Amino acid sequence: MRTFLHQLAVFAFIGTSLTFAHDDDKKAKAPVGSQHPLGSVLVFSGTGWYRHPETASVNGWLARLGDDLGMQVDVSETPKDLQTILGHYKVLVMNNCNELTTLMDAGQLKAVEDWYKKGGGIVALHAALVHQTKWAWFSELAGCDFDSDSEYLEAKVSVDPAAKNHPTVKGHGDSFLYSADWTNHTAAVTGKPGFQVLLRVDETSYDAVRSYFKQRNGKAMGADHPIAWTNTLNDGRFFYTELGHDVRSLDTAFGRQHIVEAIRWAARADTAK
């Protein structure tokens, strides 16, 4: 596939900035006043609570996946875009965008819900599951919220036997060592209707709660600690991974496969004829 844009081009759209990272996706229409077509993947990184300093660099890393995906990746931090142009996209990548009820109004939240119910796919990274309980629809879709986390540490990760052929984890054996900031959630999604656990982390292989959260009664999850999963209830395509606090946890052979294939899965590329 020919690639015409190797750097990001930014344009203003009614007070909104969108970043383009691939120019082969010609099917989407351009916004009024723009010469650039919209892509198939929208990365949203607006935050309503704590802002990870690494979020901007993760945006850049995600945008540069356009060639691997064969899809243009656009980036926005403007909530209005989720109401005005989200319908042009196949996938919404939620890059550490926490506590969205603080950032977005009811109409913008509803626009995301309606878009998803019509077949859109969501890929949620790391802190996208932080302080989302006030958004009841998303909290139910995700399956849990945030309790605490670890430092950036190497740990033993295992592939759920039922998920060994899922494209986001396939080819890496039953278990392997990996380094990331591991998140402790309020509940394990194991066994919930529609959910499939892809990966778990072995808490005996690292210190699951960093000192900051130990002082605030943060809790480890124990023997069942899912770190990546899908929810396909009602034919939906929702994917979550704990990876993505920063580029270190993504920019590896496994990390790239994990995210590229997650986006392709959320876009239903596996069902394309």
C-alpha atoms as a PDB file:
ATOM      1  CA  MET A   1       0.000   0.000   0.000  1.00  0.00           C
ATOM      2  CA  ARG A   2       1.388   3.381  -0.992  1.00  0.00           C
ATOM      3  CA  THR A   3       1.821   5.881   1.786  1.00  0.00           C
ATOM      4  CA  PHE A   4       1.774   9.569   1.041  1.00  0.00           C
ATOM      5  CA  LEU A   5       1.951  11.037   4.534  1.00  0.00           C
ATOM      6  CA  HIS A   6       4.879  10.073   6.728  1.00  0.00           C
ATOM      7  CA  GLN A   7       4.456  13.008   9.064  1.00  0.00           C
ATOM      8  CA  LEU A   8       1.383  14.321  10.826  1.00  0.00           C
ATOM      9  CA  ALA A   9      -0.654  17.037   9.180  1.00  0.00           C
ATOM     10  CA  VAL A  10      -2.879  19.138  11.382  1.00  0.00           C
ATOM     11  CA  PHE A  11      -5.848  21.187  10.284  1.00  0.00           C
ATOM     12  CA  ALA A  12      -8.428  23.340  12.043  1.00  0.00           C
ATOM     13  CA  PHE A  13     -12.034  22.184  11.892  1.00  0.00           C
ATOM     14  CA  ILE A  14     -14.509  24.618  13.435  1.00  0.00           C
ATOM     15  CA  GLY A  15     -12.175  25.197  16.360  1.00  0.00           C
ATOM     16  CA  THR A  16     -11.144  21.539  16.467  1.00  0.00           C
ATOM     17  CA  SER A  17      -7.704  20.131  15.683  1.00  0.00           C
ATOM     18  CA  LEU A  18      -7.457  16.723  14.073  1.00  0.00           C
ATOM     19  CA  THR A  19      -4.185  15.000  13.252  1.00  0.00           C
ATOM     20  CA  PHE A  20      -3.864  12.752  10.194  1.00  0.00           C
ATOM     21  CA  ALA A  21      -1.403   9.895   9.975  1.00  0.00           C
ATOM     22  CA  HIS A  22      -2.224   7.932   6.842  1.00  0.00           C
ATOM     23  CA  ASP A  23      -3.559   9.033   3.457  1.00  0.00           C
ATOM     24  CA  ASP A  24      -4.794   5.815   1.862  1.00  0.00           C
ATOM     25  CA  ASP A  25      -8.282   5.810   3.398  1.00  0.00           C
ATOM     26  CA  LYS A  26     -10.300   7.577   0.684  1.00  0.00           C
ATOM     27  CA  LYS A  27     -13.828   6.523   1.582  1.00  0.00           C
ATOM     28  CA  ALA A  28     -14.566   8.967   4.406  1.00  0.00           C
ATOM     29  CA  LYS A  29     -15.714  12.448   3.521  1.00  0.00           C
ATOM     30  CA  ALA A  30     -13.687  15.516   4.430  1.00  0.00           C
ATOM     31  CA  PRO A  31     -15.156  17.988   6.914  1.00  0.00           C
ATOM     32  CA  VAL A  32     -16.389  21.281   5.513  1.00  0.00           C
ATOM     33  CA  GLY A  33     -13.477  23.543   4.665  1.00  0.00           C
ATOM     34  CA  SER A  34     -10.876  20.761   4.694  1.00  0.00           C
ATOM     35  CA  GLN A  35      -8.904  19.169   1.853  1.00  0.00           C
ATOM     36  CA  HIS A  36      -8.159  16.062   3.943  1.00  0.00           C
ATOM     37  CA  PRO A  37     -10.490  13.046   4.168  1.00  0.00           C
ATOM     38  CA  LEU A  38     -11.252  11.574   7.562  1.00  0.00           C
ATOM     39  CA  GLY A  39      -9.758   8.190   8.309  1.00  0.00           C
ATOM     40  CA  SER A  40     -11.135   4.987   9.795  1.00  0.00           C
ATOM     41  CA  VAL A  41      -9.614   5.228  13.283  1.00  0.00           C
ATOM     42  CA  LEU A  42     -10.106   8.105  15.722  1.00  0.00           C
ATOM     43  CA  VAL A  43      -7.803   8.305  18.741  1.00  0.00           C
ATOM     44  CA  PHE A  44      -9.365  10.357  21.528  1.00  0.00           C
ATOM     45  CA  SER A  45      -7.161  11.419  24.451  1.00  0.00           C
ATOM     46  CA  GLY A  46      -9.140  14.076  26.295  1.00  0.00           C
ATOM     47  CA  THR A  47      -9.086  13.641  30.090  1.00  0.00           C
ATOM     48  CA  GLY A  48     -11.422  14.685  32.862  1.00  0.00           C
ATOM     49  CA  TRP A  49      -9.075  13.795  35.715  1.00  0.00           C
ATOM     50  CA  TYR A  50      -5.344  13.045  35.931  1.00  0.00           C
ATOM     51  CA  ARG A  51      -3.436  13.670  32.710  1.00  0.00           C
ATOM     52  CA  HIS A  52      -0.638  11.181  32.019  1.00  0.00           C
ATOM     53  CA  PRO A  53       2.404  13.173  30.803  1.00  0.00           C
ATOM     54  CA  GLU A  54       3.052  10.420  28.241  1.00  0.00           C
ATOM     55  CA  THR A  55      -0.371  10.657  26.592  1.00  0.00           C
ATOM     56  CA  ALA A  56       0.830  12.906  23.752  1.00  0.00           C
ATOM     57  CA  SER A  57       3.649  10.529  22.840  1.00  0.00           C
ATOM     58  CA  VAL A  58       1.242   7.586  22.912  1.00  0.00           C
ATOM     59  CA  ASN A  59      -0.954   9.556  20.490  1.00  0.00           C
ATOM     60  CA  GLY A  60       2.026   9.862  18.162  1.00  0.00           C
ATOM     61  CA  TRP A  61       2.838   6.169  18.447  1.00  0.00           C
ATOM     62  CA  LEU A  62      -0.759   5.244  17.653  1.00  0.00           C
ATOM     63  CA  ALA A  63      -0.896   7.639  14.701  1.00  0.00           C
ATOM     64  CA  ARG A  64       2.200   6.029  13.205  1.00  0.00           C
ATOM     65  CA  LEU A  65       0.410   2.656  13.105  1.00  0.00           C
ATOM     66  CA  GLY A  66      -1.433   3.803   9.981  1.00  0.00           C
ATOM     67  CA  ASP A  67       0.865   1.885   7.632  1.00  0.00           C
ATOM     68  CA  ASP A  68       0.595  -1.345   9.629  1.00  0.00           C
ATOM     69  CA  LEU A  69      -3.178  -0.994   9.788  1.00  0.00           C
ATOM     70  CA  GLY A  70      -3.730   0.116   6.226  1.00  0.00           C
ATOM     71  CA  MET A  71      -6.051   2.705   7.744  1.00  0.00           C
ATOM     72  CA  GLN A  72      -5.684   6.412   8.414  1.00  0.00           C
ATOM     73  CA  VAL A  73      -5.433   7.252  12.120  1.00  0.00           C
ATOM     74  CA  ASP A  74      -6.685  10.667  13.263  1.00  0.00           C
ATOM     75  CA  VAL A  75      -6.228  12.190  16.719  1.00  0.00           C
ATOM     76  CA  SER A  76      -8.503  14.503  18.693  1.00  0.00           C
ATOM     77  CA  GLU A  77      -8.861  15.800  22.246  1.00  0.00           C
ATOM     78  CA  THR A  78     -12.032  17.784  21.559  1.00  0.00           C
ATOM     79  CA  PRO A  79     -15.247  16.264  22.961  1.00  0.00           C
ATOM     80  CA  LYS A  80     -17.337  17.961  20.259  1.00  0.00           C
ATOM     81  CA  ASP A  81     -15.697  15.693  17.659  1.00  0.00           C
ATOM     82  CA  LEU A  82     -17.346  12.690  19.290  1.00  0.00           C
ATOM     83  CA  GLN A  83     -20.717  14.215  18.493  1.00  0.00           C
ATOM     84  CA  THR A  84     -20.019  15.712  15.075  1.00  0.00           C
ATOM     85  CA  ILE A  85     -17.635  13.396  13.200  1.00  0.00           C
ATOM     86  CA  LEU A  86     -17.381  10.096  15.114  1.00  0.00           C
ATOM     87  CA  GLY A  87     -19.915   8.585  12.732  1.00  0.00           C
ATOM     88  CA  HIS A  88     -17.293   8.633   9.955  1.00  0.00           C
ATOM     89  CA  TYR A  89     -15.025   6.237  11.888  1.00  0.00           C
ATOM     90  CA  LYS A  90     -14.939   2.480  12.370  1.00  0.00           C
ATOM     91  CA  VAL A  91     -12.884   2.510  15.592  1.00  0.00           C
ATOM     92  CA  LEU A  92     -12.537   4.808  18.590  1.00  0.00           C
ATOM     93  CA  VAL A  93      -9.243   4.348  20.454  1.00  0.00           C
ATOM     94  CA  MET A  94      -9.565   5.694  23.991  1.00  0.00           C
ATOM     95  CA  ASN A  95      -6.042   6.729  24.929  1.00  0.00           C
ATOM     96  CA  ASN A  96      -5.969   7.103  28.715  1.00  0.00           C
ATOM     97  CA  CYS A  97      -9.081   9.284  28.570  1.00  0.00           C
ATOM     98  CA  ASN A  98     -10.364   9.024  32.134  1.00  0.00           C
ATOM     99  CA  GLU A  99     -13.398  10.444  34.003  1.00  0.00           C
ATOM    100  CA  LEU A 100     -15.193  11.412  30.817  1.00  0.00           C
ATOM    101  CA  THR A 101     -18.365  12.578  32.566  1.00  0.00           C
ATOM    102  CA  THR A 102     -16.324  15.547  33.778  1.00  0.00           C
ATOM    103  CA  LEU A 103     -15.068  16.366  30.279  1.00  0.00           C
ATOM    104  CA  MET A 104     -18.077  15.545  28.104  1.00  0.00           C
ATOM    105  CA  ASP A 105     -21.714  16.569  28.220  1.00  0.00           C
ATOM    106  CA  ALA A 106     -24.670  14.191  28.072  1.00  0.00           C
ATOM    107  CA  GLY A 107     -25.129  14.638  24.330  1.00  0.00           C
ATOM    108  CA  GLN A 108     -21.514  13.744  23.598  1.00  0.00           C
ATOM    109  CA  LEU A 109     -21.660  10.651  25.802  1.00  0.00           C
ATOM    110  CA  LYS A 110     -24.907   9.577  24.131  1.00  0.00           C
ATOM    111  CA  ALA A 111     -23.320  10.072  20.689  1.00  0.00           C
ATOM    112  CA  VAL A 112     -20.600   7.551  21.582  1.00  0.00           C
ATOM    113  CA  GLU A 113     -23.184   5.085  22.863  1.00  0.00           C
ATOM    114  CA  ASP A 114     -25.329   5.369  19.720  1.00  0.00           C
ATOM    115  CA  TRP A 115     -22.293   5.054  17.415  1.00  0.00           C
ATOM    116  CA  TYR A 116     -21.158   1.897  19.216  1.00  0.00           C
ATOM    117  CA  LYS A 117     -24.620   0.341  19.076  1.00  0.00           C
ATOM    118  CA  LYS A 118     -24.612   0.887  15.294  1.00  0.00           C
ATOM    119  CA  GLY A 119     -21.421  -1.178  14.901  1.00  0.00           C
ATOM    120  CA  GLY A 120     -18.523   1.024  15.945  1.00  0.00           C
ATOM    121  CA  GLY A 121     -15.630  -0.614  17.784  1.00  0.00           C
ATOM    122  CA  ILE A 122     -13.786   0.638  20.888  1.00  0.00           C
ATOM    123  CA  VAL A 123     -10.167   0.000  21.876  1.00  0.00           C
ATOM    124  CA  ALA A 124      -9.492   1.285  25.394  1.00  0.00           C
ATOM    125  CA  LEU A 125      -5.966   1.731  26.731  1.00  0.00           C
ATOM    126  CA  HIS A 126      -4.738   1.683  30.330  1.00  0.00           C
ATOM    127  CA  ALA A 127      -6.358   4.608  32.209  1.00  0.00           C
ATOM    128  CA  ALA A 128      -9.451   4.653  29.991  1.00  0.00           C
ATOM    129  CA  LEU A 129     -11.023   2.589  32.788  1.00  0.00           C
ATOM    130  CA  VAL A 130     -10.277   5.149  35.504  1.00  0.00           C
ATOM    131  CA  HIS A 131     -13.170   6.975  37.227  1.00  0.00           C
ATOM    132  CA  GLN A 132     -15.800   5.997  34.671  1.00  0.00           C
ATOM    133  CA  THR A 133     -18.472   4.699  37.051  1.00  0.00           C
ATOM    134  CA  LYS A 134     -20.654   7.809  36.595  1.00  0.00           C
ATOM    135  CA  TRP A 135     -20.970   6.857  32.909  1.00  0.00           C
ATOM    136  CA  ALA A 136     -23.156   3.830  33.555  1.00  0.00           C
ATOM    137  CA  TRP A 137     -23.234   2.561  29.966  1.00  0.00           C
ATOM    138  CA  PHE A 138     -19.467   2.588  29.547  1.00  0.00           C
ATOM    139  CA  SER A 139     -18.826   1.204  33.019  1.00  0.00           C
ATOM    140  CA  GLU A 140     -21.009  -1.788  32.186  1.00  0.00           C
ATOM    141  CA  LEU A 141     -19.354  -2.203  28.779  1.00  0.00           C
ATOM    142  CA  ALA A 142     -15.860  -2.138  30.314  1.00  0.00           C
ATOM    143  CA  GLY A 143     -16.760  -4.396  33.221  1.00  0.00           C
ATOM    144  CA  CYS A 144     -14.825  -2.689  36.023  1.00  0.00           C
ATOM    145  CA  ASP A 145     -13.033   0.456  37.132  1.00  0.00           C
ATOM    146  CA  PHE A 146      -9.710   1.483  38.691  1.00  0.00           C
ATOM    147  CA  ASP A 147      -8.465   0.658  42.187  1.00  0.00           C
ATOM    148  CA  SER A 148      -4.679   1.106  42.109  1.00  0.00           C
ATOM    149  CA  ASP A 149      -1.596   0.224  40.098  1.00  0.00           C
ATOM    150  CA  SER A 150       2.029  -0.890  40.230  1.00  0.00           C
ATOM    151  CA  GLU A 151       5.273   0.721  39.230  1.00  0.00           C
ATOM    152  CA  TYR A 152       6.610  -0.039  35.737  1.00  0.00           C
ATOM    153  CA  LEU A 153       7.721  -3.634  36.332  1.00  0.00           C
ATOM    154  CA  GLU A 154       8.438  -6.883  34.546  1.00  0.00           C
ATOM    155  CA  ALA A 155       5.870  -9.577  35.316  1.00  0.00           C
ATOM    156  CA  LYS A 156       4.741 -12.971  34.098  1.00  0.00           C
ATOM    157  CA  VAL A 157       1.799 -12.749  31.710  1.00  0.00           C
ATOM    158  CA  SER A 158      -0.313 -15.755  30.727  1.00  0.00           C
ATOM    159  CA  VAL A 159      -2.605 -16.226  27.743  1.00  0.00           C
ATOM    160  CA  ASP A 160      -6.076 -17.542  28.567  1.00  0.00           C
ATOM    161  CA  PRO A 161      -6.293 -20.998  26.936  1.00  0.00           C
ATOM    162  CA  ALA A 162      -9.602 -20.128  25.270  1.00  0.00           C
ATOM    163  CA  ALA A 163      -8.013 -17.034  23.685  1.00  0.00           C
ATOM    164  CA  LYS A 164      -4.774 -18.512  22.337  1.00  0.00           C
ATOM    165  CA  ASN A 165      -5.864 -17.983  18.727  1.00  0.00           C
ATOM    166  CA  HIS A 166      -7.110 -14.434  19.209  1.00  0.00           C
ATOM    167  CA  PRO A 167      -5.050 -12.220  16.859  1.00  0.00           C
ATOM    168  CA  THR A 168      -4.071  -9.819  19.672  1.00  0.00           C
ATOM    169  CA  VAL A 169      -2.185 -12.533  21.594  1.00  0.00           C
ATOM    170  CA  LYS A 170      -1.595 -15.349  19.093  1.00  0.00           C
ATOM    171  CA  GLY A 171       1.915 -16.709  18.645  1.00  0.00           C
ATOM    172  CA  HIS A 172       3.407 -15.868  22.042  1.00  0.00           C
ATOM    173  CA  GLY A 173       3.019 -19.166  23.834  1.00  0.00           C
ATOM    174  CA  ASP A 174       1.190 -19.911  27.057  1.00  0.00           C
ATOM    175  CA  SER A 175       3.083 -17.293  29.071  1.00  0.00           C
ATOM    176  CA  PHE A 176       5.860 -14.743  28.742  1.00  0.00           C
ATOM    177  CA  LEU A 177       7.562 -11.923  30.652  1.00  0.00           C
ATOM    178  CA  TYR A 178       6.488  -8.364  29.922  1.00  0.00           C
ATOM    179  CA  SER A 179       7.046  -4.914  31.423  1.00  0.00           C
ATOM    180  CA  ALA A 180       4.296  -2.361  32.030  1.00  0.00           C
ATOM    181  CA  ASP A 181       2.435  -0.395  34.683  1.00  0.00           C
ATOM    182  CA  TRP A 182      -0.082  -3.005  35.846  1.00  0.00           C
ATOM    183  CA  THR A 183      -3.526  -1.792  36.917  1.00  0.00           C
ATOM    184  CA  ASN A 184      -5.608  -3.293  39.713  1.00  0.00           C
ATOM    185  CA  HIS A 185      -9.308  -3.120  38.880  1.00  0.00           C
ATOM    186  CA  THR A 186     -12.353  -3.046  41.124  1.00  0.00           C
ATOM    187  CA  ALA A 187     -13.435  -6.469  39.837  1.00  0.00           C
ATOM    188  CA  ALA A 188     -12.304  -9.248  37.534  1.00  0.00           C
ATOM    189  CA  VAL A 189     -14.357  -9.544  34.344  1.00  0.00           C
ATOM    190  CA  THR A 190     -13.911 -13.327  34.267  1.00  0.00           C
ATOM    191  CA  GLY A 191     -17.202 -15.079  33.630  1.00  0.00           C
ATOM    192  CA  LYS A 192     -19.265 -11.962  32.916  1.00  0.00           C
ATOM    193  CA  PRO A 193     -21.679 -12.363  29.967  1.00  0.00           C
ATOM    194  CA  GLY A 194     -20.032 -11.378  26.686  1.00  0.00           C
ATOM    195  CA  PHE A 195     -16.526 -11.042  28.120  1.00  0.00           C
ATOM    196  CA  GLN A 196     -13.471 -13.020  27.062  1.00  0.00           C
ATOM    197  CA  VAL A 197     -10.261 -12.662  29.043  1.00  0.00           C
ATOM    198  CA  LEU A 198      -7.231 -12.614  26.767  1.00  0.00           C
ATOM    199  CA  LEU A 199      -4.363 -12.124  29.227  1.00  0.00           C
ATOM    200  CA  ARG A 200      -3.717 -12.330  32.966  1.00  0.00           C
ATOM    201  CA  VAL A 201      -0.759 -11.170  35.024  1.00  0.00           C
ATOM    202  CA  ASP A 202       0.736 -13.298  37.793  1.00  0.00           C
ATOM    203  CA  GLU A 203       0.840 -11.125  40.900  1.00  0.00           C
ATOM    204  CA  THR A 204       3.424 -13.418  42.519  1.00  0.00           C
ATOM    205  CA  SER A 205       5.919 -12.245  39.890  1.00  0.00           C
ATOM    206  CA  TYR A 206       5.887  -8.518  40.824  1.00  0.00           C
ATOM    207  CA  ASP A 207       4.746  -6.047  43.489  1.00  0.00           C
ATOM    208  CA  ALA A 208       1.151  -5.361  42.433  1.00  0.00           C
ATOM    209  CA  VAL A 209       0.534  -2.180  44.457  1.00  0.00           C
ATOM    210  CA  ARG A 210       3.001   0.689  44.449  1.00  0.00           C
ATOM    211  CA  SER A 211       3.742   2.555  47.667  1.00  0.00           C
ATOM    212  CA  TYR A 212       1.512   5.550  46.819  1.00  0.00           C
ATOM    213  CA  PHE A 213      -1.548   3.297  46.731  1.00  0.00           C
ATOM    214  CA  LYS A 214      -0.424   1.092  49.619  1.00  0.00           C
ATOM    215  CA  GLN A 215      -0.731   4.223  51.751  1.00  0.00           C
ATOM    216  CA  ARG A 216      -4.276   4.710  50.407  1.00  0.00           C
ATOM    217  CA  ASN A 217      -5.563   1.150  50.914  1.00  0.00           C
ATOM    218  CA  GLY A 218      -5.028   0.112  47.297  1.00  0.00           C
ATOM    219  CA  LYS A 219      -5.759  -3.563  46.757  1.00  0.00           C
ATOM    220  CA  ALA A 220      -4.182  -6.193  44.541  1.00  0.00           C
ATOM    221  CA  MET A 221      -6.554  -8.472  42.614  1.00  0.00           C
ATOM    222  CA  GLY A 222      -5.074 -11.819  43.583  1.00  0.00           C
ATOM    223  CA  ALA A 223      -4.955 -15.015  41.542  1.00  0.00           C
ATOM    224  CA  ASP A 224      -7.405 -13.819  38.866  1.00  0.00           C
ATOM    225  CA  HIS A 225      -5.985 -10.579  37.479  1.00  0.00           C
ATOM    226  CA  PRO A 226      -7.110 -10.026  33.866  1.00  0.00           C
ATOM    227  CA  ILE A 227      -5.107  -7.390  31.994  1.00  0.00           C
ATOM    228  CA  ALA A 228      -6.666  -7.617  28.523  1.00  0.00           C
ATOM    229  CA  TRP A 229     -10.143  -8.653  27.446  1.00  0.00           C
ATOM    230  CA  THR A 230     -12.970  -8.215  24.970  1.00  0.00           C
ATOM    231  CA  ASN A 231     -16.696  -7.707  25.351  1.00  0.00           C
ATOM    232  CA  THR A 232     -18.827  -8.866  22.417  1.00  0.00           C
ATOM    233  CA  LEU A 233     -22.225  -8.753  24.104  1.00  0.00           C
ATOM    234  CA  ASN A 234     -24.970  -7.854  21.607  1.00  0.00           C
ATOM    235  CA  ASP A 235     -22.464  -8.268  18.748  1.00  0.00           C
ATOM    236  CA  GLY A 236     -20.350  -5.385  20.068  1.00  0.00           C
ATOM    237  CA  ARG A 237     -16.602  -4.994  19.648  1.00  0.00           C
ATOM    238  CA  PHE A 238     -14.979  -3.661  22.846  1.00  0.00           C
ATOM    239  CA  PHE A 239     -11.318  -4.308  23.662  1.00  0.00           C
ATOM    240  CA  TYR A 240      -9.347  -3.243  26.738  1.00  0.00           C
ATOM    241  CA  THR A 241      -5.683  -3.604  27.619  1.00  0.00           C
ATOM    242  CA  GLU A 242      -3.661  -2.415  30.589  1.00  0.00           C
ATOM    243  CA  LEU A 243      -0.816  -1.553  28.220  1.00  0.00           C
ATOM    244  CA  GLY A 244      -0.458   2.070  27.138  1.00  0.00           C
ATOM    245  CA  HIS A 245       0.565   4.082  30.194  1.00  0.00           C
ATOM    246  CA  ASP A 246       3.513   5.092  28.041  1.00  0.00           C
ATOM    247  CA  VAL A 247       5.217   4.093  24.806  1.00  0.00           C
ATOM    248  CA  ARG A 248       7.598   1.701  26.593  1.00  0.00           C
ATOM    249  CA  SER A 249       4.783  -0.775  27.160  1.00  0.00           C
ATOM    250  CA  LEU A 250       3.649  -0.556  23.536  1.00  0.00           C
ATOM    251  CA  ASP A 251       6.742  -0.282  21.372  1.00  0.00           C
ATOM    252  CA  THR A 252       7.713  -3.956  21.309  1.00  0.00           C
ATOM    253  CA  ALA A 253       6.943  -6.759  18.879  1.00  0.00           C
ATOM    254  CA  PHE A 254       4.163  -7.988  21.161  1.00  0.00           C
ATOM    255  CA  GLY A 255       2.867  -4.514  21.973  1.00  0.00           C
ATOM    256  CA  ARG A 256       2.602  -3.557  18.324  1.00  0.00           C
ATOM    257  CA  GLN A 257       0.795  -6.785  17.420  1.00  0.00           C
ATOM    258  CA  HIS A 258      -1.482  -6.430  20.442  1.00  0.00           C
ATOM    259  CA  ILE A 259      -2.687  -2.945  19.494  1.00  0.00           C
ATOM    260  CA  VAL A 260      -2.690  -3.285  15.697  1.00  0.00           C
ATOM    261  CA  GLU A 261      -4.725  -6.462  15.853  1.00  0.00           C
ATOM    262  CA  ALA A 262      -7.029  -4.980  18.497  1.00  0.00           C
ATOM    263  CA  ILE A 263      -7.839  -2.070  16.181  1.00  0.00           C
ATOM    264  CA  ARG A 264      -8.318  -4.390  13.225  1.00  0.00           C
ATOM    265  CA  TRP A 265     -10.581  -6.626  15.335  1.00  0.00           C
ATOM    266  CA  ALA A 266     -12.604  -3.634  16.560  1.00  0.00           C
ATOM    267  CA  ALA A 267     -12.948  -2.491  12.917  1.00  0.00           C
ATOM    268  CA  ARG A 268     -14.298  -5.978  12.083  1.00  0.00           C
ATOM    269  CA  ALA A 269     -11.492  -6.506   9.579  1.00  0.00           C
ATOM    270  CA  ASP A 270     -11.682 -10.210  10.430  1.00  0.00           C
ATOM    271  CA  THR A 271     -15.176 -10.349   8.929  1.00  0.00           C
ATOM    272  CA  ALA A 272     -14.433  -8.294   5.802  1.00  0.00           C
ATOM    273  CA  LYS A 273     -14.980 -10.072   2.500  1.00  0.00           C
END
